N, C-alpha and C. Protein backbone atom coordinates (compact mmCIF):
# COMPACT_ATOMS: atom_id res chain seq x y z
N MET A 1 73.83 63.90 131.89
CA MET A 1 74.66 63.42 130.80
C MET A 1 75.85 64.37 130.62
N TYR A 2 76.96 63.80 130.31
CA TYR A 2 78.18 64.60 130.13
C TYR A 2 78.27 65.10 128.68
N SER A 3 78.81 66.29 128.51
CA SER A 3 78.95 66.84 127.16
C SER A 3 80.21 66.31 126.47
N SER A 4 81.11 65.71 127.23
CA SER A 4 82.34 65.12 126.70
C SER A 4 82.80 64.02 127.64
N PHE A 5 83.51 63.04 127.09
CA PHE A 5 84.09 62.00 127.95
C PHE A 5 85.05 62.61 128.96
N ARG A 6 85.64 63.75 128.61
CA ARG A 6 86.58 64.42 129.52
C ARG A 6 85.92 64.90 130.81
N ASP A 7 84.61 65.05 130.77
CA ASP A 7 83.86 65.49 131.95
C ASP A 7 83.56 64.34 132.91
N MET A 8 83.77 63.12 132.47
CA MET A 8 83.42 61.94 133.27
C MET A 8 84.47 61.70 134.36
N PRO A 9 84.06 61.73 135.62
CA PRO A 9 85.03 61.47 136.70
C PRO A 9 85.71 60.11 136.56
N VAL A 10 84.99 59.10 136.07
CA VAL A 10 85.60 57.78 135.94
C VAL A 10 86.74 57.81 134.91
N TRP A 11 86.56 58.56 133.83
CA TRP A 11 87.63 58.70 132.83
C TRP A 11 88.79 59.51 133.41
N GLN A 12 88.47 60.61 134.10
CA GLN A 12 89.51 61.45 134.71
C GLN A 12 90.37 60.63 135.67
N ASN A 13 89.72 59.82 136.51
CA ASN A 13 90.46 59.00 137.46
C ASN A 13 91.29 57.93 136.76
N ALA A 14 90.71 57.29 135.75
CA ALA A 14 91.45 56.27 135.01
C ALA A 14 92.71 56.87 134.39
N LEU A 15 92.60 58.07 133.84
CA LEU A 15 93.76 58.74 133.25
C LEU A 15 94.79 59.08 134.32
N LYS A 16 94.33 59.57 135.46
CA LYS A 16 95.23 59.91 136.56
C LYS A 16 95.99 58.67 137.05
N TYR A 17 95.28 57.56 137.21
CA TYR A 17 95.93 56.33 137.69
C TYR A 17 96.89 55.78 136.64
N SER A 18 96.52 55.91 135.37
CA SER A 18 97.40 55.47 134.29
C SER A 18 98.72 56.25 134.30
N LYS A 19 98.62 57.53 134.58
CA LYS A 19 99.83 58.37 134.68
C LYS A 19 100.69 57.92 135.84
N THR A 20 100.08 57.59 136.96
CA THR A 20 100.84 57.11 138.12
C THR A 20 101.53 55.78 137.80
N VAL A 21 100.81 54.89 137.13
CA VAL A 21 101.40 53.61 136.73
C VAL A 21 102.59 53.85 135.81
N PHE A 22 102.45 54.76 134.87
CA PHE A 22 103.56 55.10 133.98
C PHE A 22 104.76 55.57 134.80
N GLU A 23 104.51 56.46 135.75
CA GLU A 23 105.61 57.01 136.56
C GLU A 23 106.31 55.93 137.39
N ILE A 24 105.55 55.05 138.02
CA ILE A 24 106.21 54.04 138.85
C ILE A 24 106.90 52.98 138.00
N SER A 25 106.44 52.81 136.77
CA SER A 25 107.08 51.81 135.91
C SER A 25 108.35 52.36 135.24
N ASN A 26 108.59 53.65 135.35
CA ASN A 26 109.82 54.24 134.80
C ASN A 26 111.06 53.69 135.47
N SER A 27 110.94 53.25 136.71
CA SER A 27 112.10 52.77 137.45
C SER A 27 112.35 51.27 137.25
N LEU A 28 111.52 50.61 136.45
CA LEU A 28 111.72 49.18 136.23
C LEU A 28 112.99 48.94 135.41
N PRO A 29 113.63 47.79 135.61
CA PRO A 29 114.85 47.50 134.86
C PRO A 29 114.59 47.38 133.35
N ARG A 30 115.59 47.70 132.56
CA ARG A 30 115.47 47.62 131.09
C ARG A 30 115.08 46.21 130.64
N SER A 31 115.48 45.21 131.41
CA SER A 31 115.15 43.84 131.04
C SER A 31 113.64 43.58 131.07
N GLU A 32 112.89 44.48 131.69
CA GLU A 32 111.43 44.34 131.77
C GLU A 32 110.69 45.17 130.71
N ASP A 33 111.44 45.82 129.80
CA ASP A 33 110.79 46.67 128.81
C ASP A 33 109.69 45.94 128.02
N TYR A 34 109.91 44.68 127.71
CA TYR A 34 108.92 43.91 126.95
C TYR A 34 108.16 42.96 127.87
N GLY A 35 108.33 43.12 129.15
CA GLY A 35 107.64 42.31 130.14
C GLY A 35 106.64 43.16 130.89
N ILE A 36 106.84 43.24 132.20
CA ILE A 36 105.86 43.93 133.04
C ILE A 36 105.72 45.41 132.70
N THR A 37 106.80 46.06 132.28
CA THR A 37 106.70 47.49 131.95
C THR A 37 105.66 47.71 130.86
N SER A 38 105.79 46.97 129.79
CA SER A 38 104.85 47.08 128.68
C SER A 38 103.45 46.64 129.08
N GLN A 39 103.35 45.53 129.80
CA GLN A 39 102.04 44.99 130.16
C GLN A 39 101.26 45.91 131.08
N ILE A 40 101.90 46.43 132.11
CA ILE A 40 101.17 47.26 133.07
C ILE A 40 100.79 48.60 132.45
N ARG A 41 101.64 49.13 131.61
CA ARG A 41 101.31 50.40 130.95
C ARG A 41 100.14 50.22 129.99
N ARG A 42 100.16 49.14 129.23
CA ARG A 42 99.07 48.90 128.28
C ARG A 42 97.75 48.65 129.00
N SER A 43 97.77 47.85 130.06
CA SER A 43 96.52 47.56 130.76
C SER A 43 95.96 48.81 131.42
N ALA A 44 96.83 49.62 132.04
CA ALA A 44 96.37 50.85 132.70
C ALA A 44 95.82 51.84 131.68
N ASN A 45 96.49 51.98 130.56
CA ASN A 45 96.05 52.93 129.54
C ASN A 45 94.81 52.43 128.81
N SER A 46 94.63 51.13 128.76
CA SER A 46 93.46 50.54 128.13
C SER A 46 92.17 50.95 128.83
N ILE A 47 92.25 51.18 130.12
CA ILE A 47 91.05 51.53 130.89
C ILE A 47 90.46 52.85 130.39
N ASN A 48 91.26 53.90 130.40
CA ASN A 48 90.75 55.19 129.95
C ASN A 48 90.43 55.16 128.46
N GLY A 49 91.17 54.39 127.68
CA GLY A 49 90.88 54.28 126.25
C GLY A 49 89.53 53.63 125.98
N ASN A 50 89.21 52.60 126.74
CA ASN A 50 87.93 51.93 126.54
C ASN A 50 86.76 52.73 127.09
N ILE A 51 86.99 53.48 128.16
CA ILE A 51 85.94 54.39 128.64
C ILE A 51 85.65 55.44 127.57
N PHE A 52 86.70 55.97 126.99
CA PHE A 52 86.58 56.95 125.90
C PHE A 52 85.78 56.35 124.74
N GLU A 53 86.13 55.12 124.37
CA GLU A 53 85.45 54.48 123.24
C GLU A 53 83.99 54.18 123.57
N ALA A 54 83.72 53.76 124.80
CA ALA A 54 82.33 53.49 125.21
C ALA A 54 81.49 54.76 125.10
N TYR A 55 82.08 55.87 125.50
CA TYR A 55 81.35 57.15 125.44
C TYR A 55 80.86 57.44 124.02
N GLY A 56 81.67 57.08 123.05
CA GLY A 56 81.34 57.38 121.66
C GLY A 56 80.38 56.42 121.00
N LYS A 57 80.05 55.33 121.66
CA LYS A 57 79.13 54.35 121.08
C LYS A 57 77.68 54.79 121.26
N LYS A 58 76.82 54.32 120.37
CA LYS A 58 75.42 54.75 120.39
C LYS A 58 74.53 53.81 121.19
N THR A 59 74.74 52.50 121.05
CA THR A 59 73.82 51.56 121.71
C THR A 59 74.32 51.17 123.09
N LYS A 60 73.39 50.79 123.93
CA LYS A 60 73.74 50.36 125.28
C LYS A 60 74.65 49.12 125.25
N ASN A 61 74.36 48.20 124.32
CA ASN A 61 75.19 47.00 124.22
C ASN A 61 76.62 47.32 123.83
N ASP A 62 76.78 48.22 122.86
CA ASP A 62 78.13 48.62 122.45
C ASP A 62 78.85 49.31 123.61
N LYS A 63 78.16 50.21 124.28
CA LYS A 63 78.75 50.90 125.43
C LYS A 63 79.17 49.88 126.49
N SER A 64 78.27 48.96 126.81
CA SER A 64 78.54 47.95 127.84
C SER A 64 79.80 47.16 127.53
N ASN A 65 79.94 46.74 126.27
CA ASN A 65 81.12 45.95 125.90
C ASN A 65 82.42 46.67 126.23
N PHE A 66 82.49 47.96 125.94
CA PHE A 66 83.72 48.70 126.19
C PHE A 66 83.93 48.98 127.67
N TYR A 67 82.84 49.19 128.41
CA TYR A 67 82.99 49.34 129.87
C TYR A 67 83.43 48.03 130.50
N ILE A 68 82.97 46.91 129.98
CA ILE A 68 83.40 45.59 130.48
C ILE A 68 84.89 45.39 130.21
N ILE A 69 85.33 45.76 129.03
CA ILE A 69 86.76 45.64 128.71
C ILE A 69 87.59 46.54 129.63
N ALA A 70 87.10 47.76 129.87
CA ALA A 70 87.81 48.68 130.78
C ALA A 70 87.91 48.06 132.17
N ARG A 71 86.83 47.46 132.62
CA ARG A 71 86.82 46.81 133.93
C ARG A 71 87.83 45.66 133.98
N GLY A 72 87.86 44.86 132.95
CA GLY A 72 88.84 43.77 132.87
C GLY A 72 90.27 44.28 132.91
N SER A 73 90.51 45.38 132.22
CA SER A 73 91.86 45.97 132.22
C SER A 73 92.22 46.51 133.60
N ALA A 74 91.24 46.99 134.35
CA ALA A 74 91.50 47.46 135.71
C ALA A 74 91.93 46.28 136.60
N PHE A 75 91.25 45.14 136.45
CA PHE A 75 91.65 43.96 137.20
C PHE A 75 93.05 43.49 136.78
N GLU A 76 93.32 43.53 135.48
CA GLU A 76 94.64 43.14 134.98
C GLU A 76 95.72 44.05 135.56
N THR A 77 95.46 45.33 135.60
CA THR A 77 96.43 46.28 136.16
C THR A 77 96.69 45.98 137.62
N GLN A 78 95.64 45.68 138.37
CA GLN A 78 95.82 45.30 139.78
C GLN A 78 96.73 44.08 139.89
N SER A 79 96.53 43.11 139.03
CA SER A 79 97.36 41.90 139.05
C SER A 79 98.83 42.24 138.79
N HIS A 80 99.09 43.09 137.81
CA HIS A 80 100.47 43.50 137.50
C HIS A 80 101.08 44.27 138.68
N LEU A 81 100.28 45.09 139.34
CA LEU A 81 100.78 45.81 140.52
C LEU A 81 101.17 44.84 141.63
N ILE A 82 100.34 43.86 141.87
CA ILE A 82 100.63 42.86 142.91
C ILE A 82 101.90 42.09 142.56
N TYR A 83 102.00 41.66 141.31
CA TYR A 83 103.21 40.95 140.88
C TYR A 83 104.45 41.83 141.06
N GLY A 84 104.36 43.07 140.57
CA GLY A 84 105.51 43.98 140.68
C GLY A 84 105.92 44.22 142.11
N ASN A 85 104.95 44.24 143.00
CA ASN A 85 105.25 44.39 144.42
C ASN A 85 105.91 43.13 144.98
N LYS A 86 105.39 41.97 144.59
CA LYS A 86 105.90 40.69 145.11
C LYS A 86 107.35 40.46 144.71
N VAL A 87 107.73 40.93 143.51
CA VAL A 87 109.12 40.73 143.07
C VAL A 87 110.02 41.90 143.46
N GLY A 88 109.47 42.86 144.20
CA GLY A 88 110.27 43.95 144.74
C GLY A 88 110.42 45.17 143.86
N TYR A 89 109.63 45.27 142.80
CA TYR A 89 109.73 46.42 141.91
C TYR A 89 108.97 47.64 142.43
N PHE A 90 107.84 47.42 143.09
CA PHE A 90 106.97 48.52 143.50
C PHE A 90 106.84 48.58 145.01
N ASP A 91 106.78 49.78 145.53
CA ASP A 91 106.64 50.07 146.95
C ASP A 91 105.27 49.61 147.48
N ASP A 92 105.28 49.02 148.67
CA ASP A 92 104.06 48.52 149.30
C ASP A 92 102.97 49.58 149.39
N LYS A 93 103.33 50.77 149.84
CA LYS A 93 102.34 51.83 150.06
C LYS A 93 101.72 52.28 148.74
N ILE A 94 102.55 52.48 147.73
CA ILE A 94 102.04 52.92 146.43
C ILE A 94 101.11 51.87 145.84
N VAL A 95 101.51 50.61 145.94
CA VAL A 95 100.68 49.53 145.40
C VAL A 95 99.35 49.46 146.15
N ALA A 96 99.40 49.56 147.47
CA ALA A 96 98.15 49.51 148.26
C ALA A 96 97.21 50.64 147.85
N GLU A 97 97.75 51.83 147.66
CA GLU A 97 96.93 52.97 147.24
C GLU A 97 96.33 52.76 145.85
N LEU A 98 97.17 52.28 144.93
CA LEU A 98 96.68 52.06 143.57
C LEU A 98 95.66 50.92 143.50
N ILE A 99 95.88 49.86 144.27
CA ILE A 99 94.92 48.76 144.31
C ILE A 99 93.57 49.30 144.78
N ASN A 100 93.60 50.13 145.82
CA ASN A 100 92.37 50.75 146.31
C ASN A 100 91.74 51.66 145.27
N ASP A 101 92.57 52.48 144.61
CA ASP A 101 92.06 53.37 143.56
C ASP A 101 91.39 52.58 142.45
N TYR A 102 92.05 51.50 142.00
CA TYR A 102 91.47 50.69 140.93
C TYR A 102 90.22 49.95 141.40
N SER A 103 90.16 49.56 142.66
CA SER A 103 88.95 48.93 143.20
C SER A 103 87.78 49.90 143.15
N GLU A 104 88.03 51.15 143.51
CA GLU A 104 86.98 52.17 143.43
C GLU A 104 86.57 52.42 141.98
N LEU A 105 87.55 52.42 141.08
CA LEU A 105 87.26 52.61 139.66
C LEU A 105 86.39 51.46 139.14
N ILE A 106 86.71 50.24 139.53
CA ILE A 106 85.92 49.07 139.15
C ILE A 106 84.49 49.22 139.67
N HIS A 107 84.35 49.69 140.90
CA HIS A 107 83.03 49.92 141.47
C HIS A 107 82.25 50.94 140.63
N GLU A 108 82.90 52.00 140.22
CA GLU A 108 82.25 53.02 139.39
C GLU A 108 81.85 52.45 138.03
N LEU A 109 82.73 51.63 137.45
CA LEU A 109 82.39 51.00 136.17
C LEU A 109 81.21 50.05 136.34
N ASN A 110 81.16 49.34 137.46
CA ASN A 110 80.02 48.45 137.73
C ASN A 110 78.72 49.25 137.80
N LYS A 111 78.77 50.42 138.42
CA LYS A 111 77.58 51.26 138.51
C LYS A 111 77.13 51.72 137.11
N ILE A 112 78.10 52.09 136.28
CA ILE A 112 77.76 52.50 134.92
C ILE A 112 77.13 51.33 134.17
N LEU A 113 77.75 50.16 134.30
CA LEU A 113 77.21 48.97 133.61
C LEU A 113 75.79 48.64 134.08
N LYS A 114 75.57 48.76 135.38
CA LYS A 114 74.23 48.49 135.92
C LYS A 114 73.21 49.48 135.37
N SER A 115 73.62 50.73 135.20
CA SER A 115 72.69 51.75 134.69
C SER A 115 72.34 51.52 133.22
N LEU A 116 73.17 50.78 132.51
CA LEU A 116 72.92 50.53 131.09
C LEU A 116 71.96 49.36 130.86
N HIS A 117 71.68 48.60 131.91
CA HIS A 117 70.80 47.42 131.76
C HIS A 117 69.54 47.54 132.55
């Protein structure tokens, strides 16, 4: 058991990937401030936020709900990355790496969810 959510590798990775998403979204056009820029940043940041919140819950059901939301946000972030790549905003290599990173994160969240049931 971890003494803090900060010790959890899944949270550390989610935070690291969220920072990368923030950095690559800095170059998006101003016209996207309320579009993909906002959406991808919120979905990426939601992952580590929900992992943090799950850590603080007492019951397995409460924990599971927040890990499920984190997992959904990881899928949403992947979708935004694919869209951003398709319209020419994001580099192929960076998107491929992040898609892989988020796939691994989803796998880790699935393992956590399985351990709770």
